Amino acid sequence: MENTRRNFIRKTVVGAGALGAGGILPGFSAKSYARIVGANSKIVVSMMGVNSRGKALAKNFSIQENCEVAHICDVDSRAVTTCIEAVKDRQKIVPKGFEDFRKSLESKDIDALVIAAPDHWHAPASLLALQAGKHVYVEKPCCHNPREGEILVEAARKYNKVIQMGNQRRSWPNVVKGIEEVKNGAIGRVYFGKGWYTNNRGPIGKGKKVEVPQWLNWDLWQGPAPRKEFNDNFLHYNWHWFWHWGTGEALNNGTHMIDLLRWGLEVDFPVKVSSNGGRYRYKDDWETPDTQVINLDFDKGVSMSWEGRSCNGKPIEGSSVGVVFYGENGSVLIPSGNSYTIFDLQGKVVKEFKEQQKIDPRDLSNPSEQVDALHIQNMFDAITNGSPLNSGVDSGFKSTLLVQLGNISQRIGRSIDINPTNGHILHDTEAAKFWSRSYEKGWEMKL
């Protein structure tokens, strides 16, 4: 099975030229892929946060021939053991385990930190890695709040290191081609884009204060966040639905779709943002919306909308997740996988590129290992050869910010006006309070 995956990745990157003129990714040729696949020098990585998505990433990084996963870091001792077992047969070395990722960063052997810890850790851990001289691969969202994203953008420049955000669709070949169709006028002038995510998540109940499990370092799990007592319904996934650590479905899955819309519509910052919704399905401790519609208007005469339904999984356009671009002459659909379809104004299919690999967007840990490897290799080529990143922190933060602004609008209960030159909130002191957060003493982000 591992050889099959390796062969797929090798054939995909080496055969990139067959997928489109100039290679499968903008500015990223088949030749540049061939230089690094199977190269003698390996990029040595440390993995932080390996309970679910992090373990899937560790497995993916471990089968890249130009990479070694040397360290596995998690505050859950069980996750460390499980992840080491998952990757040790995929590569030649057995990784070392760490409870505290900062100990891993002290190693001169580590080239990059891969971060899949909870959202409140993404920016602080990225900054610590940069300051330790490491490159960073950070899962979306790149930050818990807007100010953290601004700091990361500054830090990438100051420390001159690579930061790739894990919105992997930026490297999926047919998604890239679909976006190029939108930009190149396949449906004429494009003026509206819609994205969505649907699922059938169950309730999380009413949590009880209990003793911290012996396998968990709860203090380090909280890290930069102000301290709270441990509840039995926080871990491991439910933290997404608490504002203190998480960012809701909007940034959990909405970031991917908003990023595609921003990419295709070629916009940066909006002029107005609004959000409607709430926690409707169950009566429990879940704080963020389970039903949400975010609308963003831009001064280029375009707008976009994202619909999230965490607890009603009825698909839109036949897909549980996706985007549609609407233009003068038709529409372009990019559904859950590595594919796209162009329709005319009557809904007739004009052109279609279907995926060859099955992708399950509701797989919480590893929906698309094979094509995600292209995103990893793009980062490696940026480190090794200085090639452009497909989702550097500049771009990643802009997309993250759009959804964060939607959440801010949701939390204050009204629309907010935005400065289109920098994304900052205008004339609203209540909304501006959510631009940053408070930190546990000693954990503040400092350049």
Protein backbone atom coordinates (compact mmCIF):
# COMPACT_ATOMS: atom_id res chain seq x y z
CA MET A 1 0.00 0.00 0.00
CA GLU A 2 2.82 2.44 0.88
CA ASN A 3 4.62 1.71 -2.41
CA THR A 4 1.37 2.37 -4.24
CA ARG A 5 1.06 5.79 -2.57
CA ARG A 6 4.69 6.64 -3.25
CA ASN A 7 4.32 5.63 -6.89
CA PHE A 8 1.20 7.74 -7.25
CA ILE A 9 2.92 10.81 -5.82
CA ARG A 10 6.02 10.28 -7.96
CA LYS A 11 4.00 9.77 -11.16
CA THR A 12 1.77 12.74 -10.36
CA VAL A 13 4.57 15.21 -9.80
CA VAL A 14 6.87 13.97 -12.56
CA GLY A 15 3.99 13.81 -15.03
CA ALA A 16 2.74 17.25 -14.12
CA GLY A 17 3.31 18.65 -17.57
CA ALA A 18 0.61 16.43 -18.99
CA LEU A 19 -1.97 18.04 -16.72
CA GLY A 20 -1.70 21.53 -18.08
CA ALA A 21 0.59 24.00 -19.76
CA GLY A 22 3.38 25.15 -17.51
CA GLY A 23 2.92 22.36 -14.96
CA ILE A 24 0.10 21.51 -12.59
CA LEU A 25 0.72 24.45 -10.28
CA PRO A 26 1.27 28.12 -11.15
CA GLY A 27 5.02 28.73 -11.41
CA PHE A 28 5.78 25.18 -10.32
CA SER A 29 7.02 22.91 -13.10
CA ALA A 30 7.34 19.15 -13.41
CA LYS A 31 11.11 19.63 -13.52
CA SER A 32 11.14 21.35 -10.14
CA TYR A 33 9.17 18.48 -8.65
CA ALA A 34 11.57 15.97 -10.16
CA ARG A 35 14.51 17.75 -8.56
CA ILE A 36 13.26 17.05 -5.06
CA VAL A 37 11.37 13.76 -5.30
CA GLY A 38 13.91 11.13 -4.39
CA ALA A 39 16.59 13.71 -3.61
CA ASN A 40 19.49 12.65 -1.39
CA SER A 41 19.01 15.41 1.18
CA LYS A 42 15.97 15.01 3.40
CA ILE A 43 13.94 17.63 5.21
CA VAL A 44 13.65 16.55 8.84
CA VAL A 45 10.35 17.44 10.51
CA SER A 46 8.79 17.44 13.93
CA MET A 47 5.05 16.83 14.25
CA MET A 48 3.03 18.75 16.87
CA GLY A 49 -0.48 17.56 17.74
CA VAL A 50 -0.92 14.02 16.44
CA ASN A 51 -4.17 12.73 17.85
CA SER A 52 -6.21 12.82 14.63
CA ARG A 53 -5.39 15.10 11.70
CA GLY A 54 -1.82 15.36 12.95
CA LYS A 55 -1.37 11.60 12.79
CA ALA A 56 -2.63 11.59 9.21
CA LEU A 57 -0.17 14.36 8.34
CA ALA A 58 2.66 12.48 10.04
CA LYS A 59 1.89 9.43 7.92
CA ASN A 60 1.85 11.56 4.78
CA PHE A 61 5.09 13.36 5.55
CA SER A 62 6.75 10.04 6.44
CA ILE A 63 6.19 8.55 2.97
CA GLN A 64 7.75 11.50 1.17
CA GLU A 65 11.11 10.25 -0.06
CA ASN A 66 12.77 13.60 0.65
CA CYS A 67 11.54 13.76 4.25
CA GLU A 68 12.02 12.13 7.63
CA VAL A 69 9.63 12.46 10.54
CA ALA A 70 12.08 12.57 13.43
CA HIS A 71 9.95 13.82 16.34
CA ILE A 72 6.37 13.20 17.45
CA CYS A 73 5.03 15.75 19.95
CA ASP A 74 1.77 15.68 21.86
CA VAL A 75 0.48 16.43 25.35
CA ASP A 76 -1.50 13.16 25.13
CA SER A 77 0.98 10.36 25.81
CA ARG A 78 -1.31 7.84 24.10
CA ALA A 79 -1.28 9.88 20.88
CA VAL A 80 2.52 9.96 20.85
CA THR A 81 2.72 6.18 21.11
CA THR A 82 0.02 5.60 18.50
CA CYS A 83 1.56 8.00 16.00
CA ILE A 84 5.05 6.54 16.35
CA GLU A 85 3.55 3.12 15.62
CA ALA A 86 1.72 4.55 12.60
CA VAL A 87 4.81 5.99 10.91
CA LYS A 88 7.71 3.77 11.97
CA ASP A 89 7.10 1.26 9.17
CA ARG A 90 6.67 4.00 6.56
CA GLN A 91 10.22 5.29 6.86
CA LYS A 92 13.68 4.08 7.84
CA ILE A 93 13.89 5.74 11.27
CA VAL A 94 11.73 5.42 14.38
CA PRO A 95 10.71 8.89 15.60
CA LYS A 96 11.38 10.11 19.12
CA GLY A 97 8.43 11.12 21.27
CA PHE A 98 8.06 14.43 23.13
CA GLU A 99 5.38 15.74 25.46
CA ASP A 100 6.57 19.34 25.02
CA PHE A 101 7.22 20.41 21.42
CA ARG A 102 9.56 23.15 22.65
CA LYS A 103 12.07 20.45 23.57
CA SER A 104 11.91 19.22 20.00
CA LEU A 105 12.59 22.72 18.68
CA GLU A 106 15.87 22.74 20.60
CA SER A 107 17.22 20.07 18.27
CA LYS A 108 19.50 21.33 15.50
CA ASP A 109 18.48 18.31 13.42
CA ILE A 110 14.91 19.56 12.93
CA ASP A 111 14.27 21.63 9.79
CA ALA A 112 10.52 22.22 10.10
CA LEU A 113 7.64 22.00 12.55
CA VAL A 114 4.28 20.63 11.34
CA ILE A 115 1.44 21.95 13.50
CA ALA A 116 -1.94 20.22 13.81
CA ALA A 117 -2.62 21.11 17.43
CA PRO A 118 -5.86 22.95 18.40
CA ASP A 119 -6.46 26.36 16.83
CA HIS A 120 -5.32 28.42 19.82
CA TRP A 121 -1.86 26.88 19.36
CA HIS A 122 -1.41 27.49 15.63
CA ALA A 123 0.09 30.98 15.66
CA PRO A 124 2.00 30.82 18.98
CA ALA A 125 3.64 27.51 18.04
CA SER A 126 4.45 28.82 14.55
CA LEU A 127 6.17 31.86 16.05
CA LEU A 128 8.20 29.76 18.49
CA ALA A 129 9.29 27.53 15.61
CA LEU A 130 10.37 30.49 13.49
CA GLN A 131 12.31 31.91 16.42
CA ALA A 132 14.03 28.54 16.78
CA GLY A 133 15.11 28.74 13.13
CA LYS A 134 12.57 26.23 11.78
CA HIS A 135 10.24 26.33 8.79
CA VAL A 136 6.54 25.81 9.47
CA TYR A 137 3.64 23.84 8.01
CA VAL A 138 0.55 24.93 9.95
CA GLU A 139 -2.94 23.56 9.46
CA LYS A 140 -5.70 26.03 8.77
CA PRO A 141 -6.60 28.38 10.27
CA CYS A 142 -3.14 29.89 10.64
CA CYS A 143 -4.30 31.85 13.69
CA HIS A 144 -6.99 31.94 16.36
CA ASN A 145 -7.63 35.69 15.92
CA PRO A 146 -6.64 38.42 13.43
CA ARG A 147 -3.82 39.99 15.44
CA GLU A 148 -2.02 36.65 15.62
CA GLY A 149 -2.16 36.42 11.84
CA GLU A 150 -0.63 39.86 11.47
CA ILE A 151 2.19 38.84 13.81
CA LEU A 152 2.85 35.68 11.77
CA VAL A 153 3.08 37.65 8.54
CA GLU A 154 5.61 39.96 10.19
CA ALA A 155 7.49 37.01 11.68
CA ALA A 156 7.87 35.20 8.35
CA ARG A 157 9.63 38.27 6.97
CA LYS A 158 11.71 38.90 10.08
CA TYR A 159 13.01 35.35 10.44
CA ASN A 160 13.11 34.61 6.69
CA LYS A 161 11.53 31.17 6.97
CA VAL A 162 8.84 29.35 5.03
CA ILE A 163 5.30 29.13 6.45
CA GLN A 164 2.86 27.02 4.44
CA MET A 165 -0.77 26.94 5.56
CA GLY A 166 -2.59 23.66 5.14
CA ASN A 167 -5.35 24.70 2.75
CA GLN A 168 -4.26 21.89 0.49
CA ARG A 169 -6.65 22.54 -2.37
CA ARG A 170 -4.25 25.25 -3.52
CA SER A 171 -2.10 22.34 -4.76
CA TRP A 172 -4.75 19.97 -6.14
CA PRO A 173 -4.17 19.88 -9.93
CA ASN A 174 -7.76 20.01 -11.18
CA VAL A 175 -8.77 22.58 -8.57
CA VAL A 176 -5.90 24.76 -9.80
CA LYS A 177 -7.16 24.33 -13.37
CA GLY A 178 -10.73 25.14 -12.33
CA ILE A 179 -9.62 28.38 -10.69
CA GLU A 180 -7.62 29.23 -13.80
CA GLU A 181 -10.78 28.74 -15.89
CA VAL A 182 -12.58 31.25 -13.66
CA LYS A 183 -9.74 33.77 -13.91
CA ASN A 184 -9.32 33.32 -17.66
CA GLY A 185 -12.92 34.19 -18.48
CA ALA A 186 -14.51 30.78 -19.07
CA ILE A 187 -17.80 32.14 -17.67
CA GLY A 188 -17.22 35.82 -18.45
CA ARG A 189 -17.18 38.43 -15.72
CA VAL A 190 -17.57 36.68 -12.36
CA TYR A 191 -19.53 38.58 -9.73
CA PHE A 192 -20.58 36.08 -7.04
CA GLY A 193 -19.20 33.00 -5.37
CA LYS A 194 -20.85 30.59 -2.93
CA GLY A 195 -19.16 28.04 -0.68
CA TRP A 196 -20.54 25.54 1.81
CA TYR A 197 -19.87 22.73 4.28
CA THR A 198 -22.41 20.23 5.61
CA ASN A 199 -22.22 17.44 8.18
CA ASN A 200 -24.32 15.53 10.72
CA ARG A 201 -22.43 16.15 13.95
CA GLY A 202 -24.03 14.93 17.16
CA PRO A 203 -24.41 16.75 20.49
CA ILE A 204 -21.53 17.22 22.93
CA GLY A 205 -23.72 17.22 26.04
CA LYS A 206 -23.28 19.15 29.25
CA GLY A 207 -19.73 18.81 30.51
CA LYS A 208 -18.74 17.94 34.04
CA LYS A 209 -15.61 18.98 35.87
CA VAL A 210 -13.53 15.86 36.37
CA GLU A 211 -9.95 15.00 37.22
CA VAL A 212 -7.48 15.46 34.40
CA PRO A 213 -6.65 12.06 32.85
CA GLN A 214 -3.19 10.75 33.71
CA TRP A 215 -2.26 10.59 30.03
CA LEU A 216 -2.88 14.32 29.49
CA ASN A 217 -0.78 17.40 30.30
CA TRP A 218 -3.76 19.74 30.59
CA ASP A 219 -1.66 22.79 31.47
CA LEU A 220 0.45 22.44 28.33
CA TRP A 221 -2.63 21.62 26.21
CA GLN A 222 -4.00 25.04 27.18
CA GLY A 223 -0.62 26.68 26.57
CA PRO A 224 -1.21 30.30 25.50
CA ALA A 225 -4.92 30.33 26.46
CA PRO A 226 -5.99 31.57 29.91
CA ARG A 227 -6.57 28.63 32.23
CA LYS A 228 -9.85 26.78 32.62
CA GLU A 229 -10.74 23.72 34.68
CA PHE A 230 -10.91 20.45 32.77
CA ASN A 231 -14.33 19.26 31.57
CA ASP A 232 -15.10 15.80 30.27
CA ASN A 233 -16.51 17.10 26.95
CA PHE A 234 -13.60 19.30 25.83
CA LEU A 235 -11.31 16.71 24.25
CA HIS A 236 -10.33 15.70 21.75
CA TYR A 237 -12.43 17.24 19.03
CA ASN A 238 -15.06 19.28 20.85
CA TRP A 239 -12.69 22.17 21.61
CA HIS A 240 -13.57 23.37 18.08
CA TRP A 241 -16.96 24.53 19.39
CA PHE A 242 -15.66 26.64 22.31
CA TRP A 243 -14.57 30.19 21.50
CA HIS A 244 -11.81 30.03 24.11
CA TRP A 245 -9.78 27.58 21.98
CA GLY A 246 -11.68 26.99 18.77
CA THR A 247 -13.06 29.01 15.89
CA GLY A 248 -16.20 27.04 15.00
CA GLU A 249 -17.12 25.34 11.75
CA ALA A 250 -16.43 28.57 9.89
CA LEU A 251 -12.67 28.26 10.32
CA ASN A 252 -12.63 24.51 10.85
CA ASN A 253 -13.90 23.87 7.33
CA GLY A 254 -15.07 27.21 5.95
CA THR A 255 -11.51 28.48 5.57
CA HIS A 256 -10.93 26.04 2.71
CA MET A 257 -13.92 27.23 0.71
CA ILE A 258 -13.50 30.94 1.44
CA ASP A 259 -9.91 30.56 0.29
CA LEU A 260 -11.03 29.12 -3.05
CA LEU A 261 -13.55 31.92 -3.48
CA ARG A 262 -11.01 34.62 -2.66
CA TRP A 263 -8.51 32.99 -5.03
CA GLY A 264 -10.95 32.75 -7.94
CA LEU A 265 -12.51 36.17 -7.46
CA GLU A 266 -9.03 37.70 -7.06
CA VAL A 267 -9.92 39.76 -3.99
CA ASP A 268 -8.18 40.46 -0.71
CA PHE A 269 -10.16 42.41 1.91
CA PRO A 270 -13.91 43.15 1.93
CA VAL A 271 -15.79 46.38 2.63
CA LYS A 272 -18.69 44.82 4.56
CA VAL A 273 -19.20 41.52 6.39
CA SER A 274 -22.31 40.04 7.97
CA SER A 275 -23.21 36.72 9.55
CA ASN A 276 -26.44 35.04 10.60
CA GLY A 277 -27.00 31.79 12.45
CA GLY A 278 -26.58 30.19 15.84
CA ARG A 279 -26.47 26.97 17.84
CA TYR A 280 -29.86 25.59 16.84
CA ARG A 281 -29.80 21.80 16.69
CA TYR A 282 -29.03 20.71 20.26
CA LYS A 283 -29.10 22.21 23.75
CA ASP A 284 -25.62 21.55 25.03
CA ASP A 285 -22.30 23.29 25.72
CA TRP A 286 -21.50 23.97 22.05
CA GLU A 287 -20.90 27.76 21.80
CA THR A 288 -20.10 28.45 18.14
CA PRO A 289 -22.81 28.33 15.43
CA ASP A 290 -23.89 24.97 14.05
CA THR A 291 -25.79 26.87 11.35
CA GLN A 292 -24.18 29.94 9.82
CA VAL A 293 -24.23 32.06 6.68
CA ILE A 294 -21.40 34.57 6.21
CA ASN A 295 -21.70 37.24 3.49
CA LEU A 296 -18.76 39.34 2.29
CA ASP A 297 -18.98 42.31 -0.10
CA PHE A 298 -15.91 43.68 -1.93
CA ASP A 299 -15.34 47.01 -3.60
CA LYS A 300 -14.57 45.35 -6.95
CA GLY A 301 -18.28 44.73 -7.50
CA VAL A 302 -18.19 41.12 -6.32
CA SER A 303 -19.44 39.28 -3.27
CA MET A 304 -19.19 35.84 -1.72
CA SER A 305 -21.18 33.75 0.72
CA TRP A 306 -20.37 30.71 2.86
CA GLU A 307 -23.02 28.41 4.35
CA GLY A 308 -22.16 26.04 7.17
CA ARG A 309 -24.47 23.35 8.50
CA SER A 310 -22.76 21.21 11.11
CA CYS A 311 -25.87 19.27 12.06
CA ASN A 312 -27.76 18.81 8.80
CA GLY A 313 -25.73 17.05 6.15
CA LYS A 314 -27.94 17.57 3.09
CA PRO A 315 -25.47 18.21 0.23
CA ILE A 316 -25.48 21.23 -2.06
CA GLU A 317 -24.84 20.59 -5.76
CA GLY A 318 -24.45 16.92 -4.85
CA SER A 319 -21.47 17.55 -2.60
CA SER A 320 -21.06 17.94 1.15
CA VAL A 321 -18.50 20.68 0.58
CA GLY A 322 -17.66 22.90 -2.37
CA VAL A 323 -17.82 26.24 -4.16
CA VAL A 324 -19.62 27.67 -7.18
CA PHE A 325 -18.55 30.75 -9.13
CA TYR A 326 -21.32 32.62 -10.96
CA GLY A 327 -20.57 34.77 -14.00
CA GLU A 328 -22.19 36.47 -16.97
CA ASN A 329 -21.98 33.37 -19.17
CA GLY A 330 -22.35 30.47 -16.75
CA SER A 331 -20.90 28.95 -13.59
CA VAL A 332 -17.97 26.85 -12.40
CA LEU A 333 -18.48 24.18 -9.74
CA ILE A 334 -15.57 22.85 -7.66
CA PRO A 335 -17.00 20.15 -5.38
CA SER A 336 -15.35 18.16 -2.61
CA GLY A 337 -12.68 16.46 -4.69
CA ASN A 338 -9.98 17.20 -7.22
CA SER A 339 -12.39 18.12 -10.02
CA TYR A 340 -14.42 20.91 -11.58
CA THR A 341 -17.33 21.42 -13.98
CA ILE A 342 -18.25 24.39 -16.18
CA PHE A 343 -21.95 25.06 -16.90
CA ASP A 344 -23.62 27.49 -19.28
CA LEU A 345 -26.46 29.77 -18.17
CA GLN A 346 -29.01 27.02 -18.77
CA GLY A 347 -27.12 24.61 -16.51
CA LYS A 348 -25.77 22.50 -19.38
CA VAL A 349 -22.32 20.99 -18.82
CA VAL A 350 -19.74 22.69 -21.06
CA LYS A 351 -16.58 21.09 -19.69
CA GLU A 352 -15.80 18.63 -16.91
CA PHE A 353 -12.63 17.33 -15.26
CA LYS A 354 -13.27 14.48 -12.86
CA GLU A 355 -11.02 13.31 -10.06
CA GLN A 356 -9.26 9.96 -10.26
CA GLN A 357 -8.82 9.52 -6.52
CA LYS A 358 -11.65 9.12 -4.03
CA ILE A 359 -11.73 11.99 -1.53
CA ASP A 360 -14.01 11.96 1.51
CA PRO A 361 -14.35 15.50 2.95
CA ARG A 362 -16.13 14.11 6.02
CA ASP A 363 -13.11 12.03 6.97
CA LEU A 364 -11.96 14.18 9.89
CA SER A 365 -8.33 13.11 9.80
CA ASN A 366 -7.23 12.11 6.30
CA PRO A 367 -9.61 12.89 3.44
CA SER A 368 -7.08 13.22 0.61
CA GLU A 369 -3.60 11.91 1.37
CA GLN A 370 -2.37 11.47 -2.19
CA VAL A 371 -3.13 14.92 -3.57
CA ASP A 372 -2.26 16.57 -0.26
CA ALA A 373 1.28 15.29 -0.83
CA LEU A 374 1.58 17.85 -3.62
CA HIS A 375 1.06 20.62 -1.06
CA ILE A 376 3.81 19.14 1.11
CA GLN A 377 6.17 18.92 -1.86
CA ASN A 378 5.42 22.53 -2.76
CA MET A 379 6.61 23.54 0.71
CA PHE A 380 9.72 21.40 0.38
CA ASP A 381 10.56 22.98 -2.97
CA ALA A 382 10.17 26.42 -1.41
CA ILE A 383 12.62 25.42 1.33
CA THR A 384 15.09 23.72 -1.01
CA ASN A 385 14.91 25.90 -4.12
CA GLY A 386 13.13 29.09 -3.10
CA SER A 387 10.10 28.32 -5.28
CA PRO A 388 6.84 30.23 -4.58
CA LEU A 389 4.54 28.78 -1.96
CA ASN A 390 1.02 27.87 -3.03
CA SER A 391 -0.34 29.00 0.34
CA GLY A 392 2.20 31.14 2.14
CA VAL A 393 1.20 32.91 5.32
CA ASP A 394 0.46 36.18 3.48
CA SER A 395 -2.22 34.52 1.40
CA GLY A 396 -3.30 32.10 4.12
CA PHE A 397 -3.91 34.88 6.62
CA LYS A 398 -6.04 36.88 4.18
CA SER A 399 -8.38 33.92 3.70
CA THR A 400 -8.38 33.13 7.42
CA LEU A 401 -9.22 36.75 8.23
CA LEU A 402 -12.31 36.76 5.99
CA VAL A 403 -13.88 33.96 8.01
CA GLN A 404 -12.75 35.47 11.31
CA LEU A 405 -14.51 38.69 10.37
CA GLY A 406 -17.64 36.61 9.76
CA ASN A 407 -17.36 35.16 13.26
CA ILE A 408 -16.86 38.63 14.75
CA SER A 409 -20.02 39.84 13.01
CA GLN A 410 -21.82 36.77 14.35
CA ARG A 411 -20.69 37.41 17.91
CA ILE A 412 -21.76 41.07 18.01
CA GLY A 413 -25.01 40.44 16.12
CA ARG A 414 -24.64 42.94 13.27
CA SER A 415 -22.71 43.65 10.09
CA ILE A 416 -19.30 45.32 10.26
CA ASP A 417 -17.59 47.76 7.91
CA ILE A 418 -14.05 46.92 6.84
CA ASN A 419 -11.11 48.90 5.49
CA PRO A 420 -10.51 47.29 2.07
CA THR A 421 -6.81 48.18 2.12
CA ASN A 422 -5.87 46.15 5.22
CA GLY A 423 -8.93 44.24 6.45
CA HIS A 424 -9.25 46.20 9.69
CA ILE A 425 -12.63 46.85 11.31
CA LEU A 426 -13.89 50.43 10.94
CA HIS A 427 -15.62 52.55 13.60
CA ASP A 428 -16.78 49.68 15.85
CA THR A 429 -15.12 49.38 19.25
CA GLU A 430 -17.24 46.38 20.24
CA ALA A 431 -16.20 44.40 17.16
CA ALA A 432 -12.57 45.51 17.50
CA LYS A 433 -12.37 43.78 20.89
CA PHE A 434 -12.31 40.45 19.02
CA TRP A 435 -9.29 41.44 16.91
CA SER A 436 -6.98 39.89 19.51
CA ARG A 437 -7.21 37.80 22.65
CA SER A 438 -5.85 37.66 26.20
CA TYR A 439 -3.09 35.17 26.99
CA GLU A 440 -1.97 33.16 29.95
CA LYS A 441 0.82 35.16 31.60
CA GLY A 442 4.16 34.38 29.98
CA TRP A 443 2.62 33.04 26.75
CA GLU A 444 2.07 36.33 24.92
CA MET A 445 3.15 36.37 21.26
CA LYS A 446 6.18 38.66 20.94
CA LEU A 447 8.27 39.23 17.84
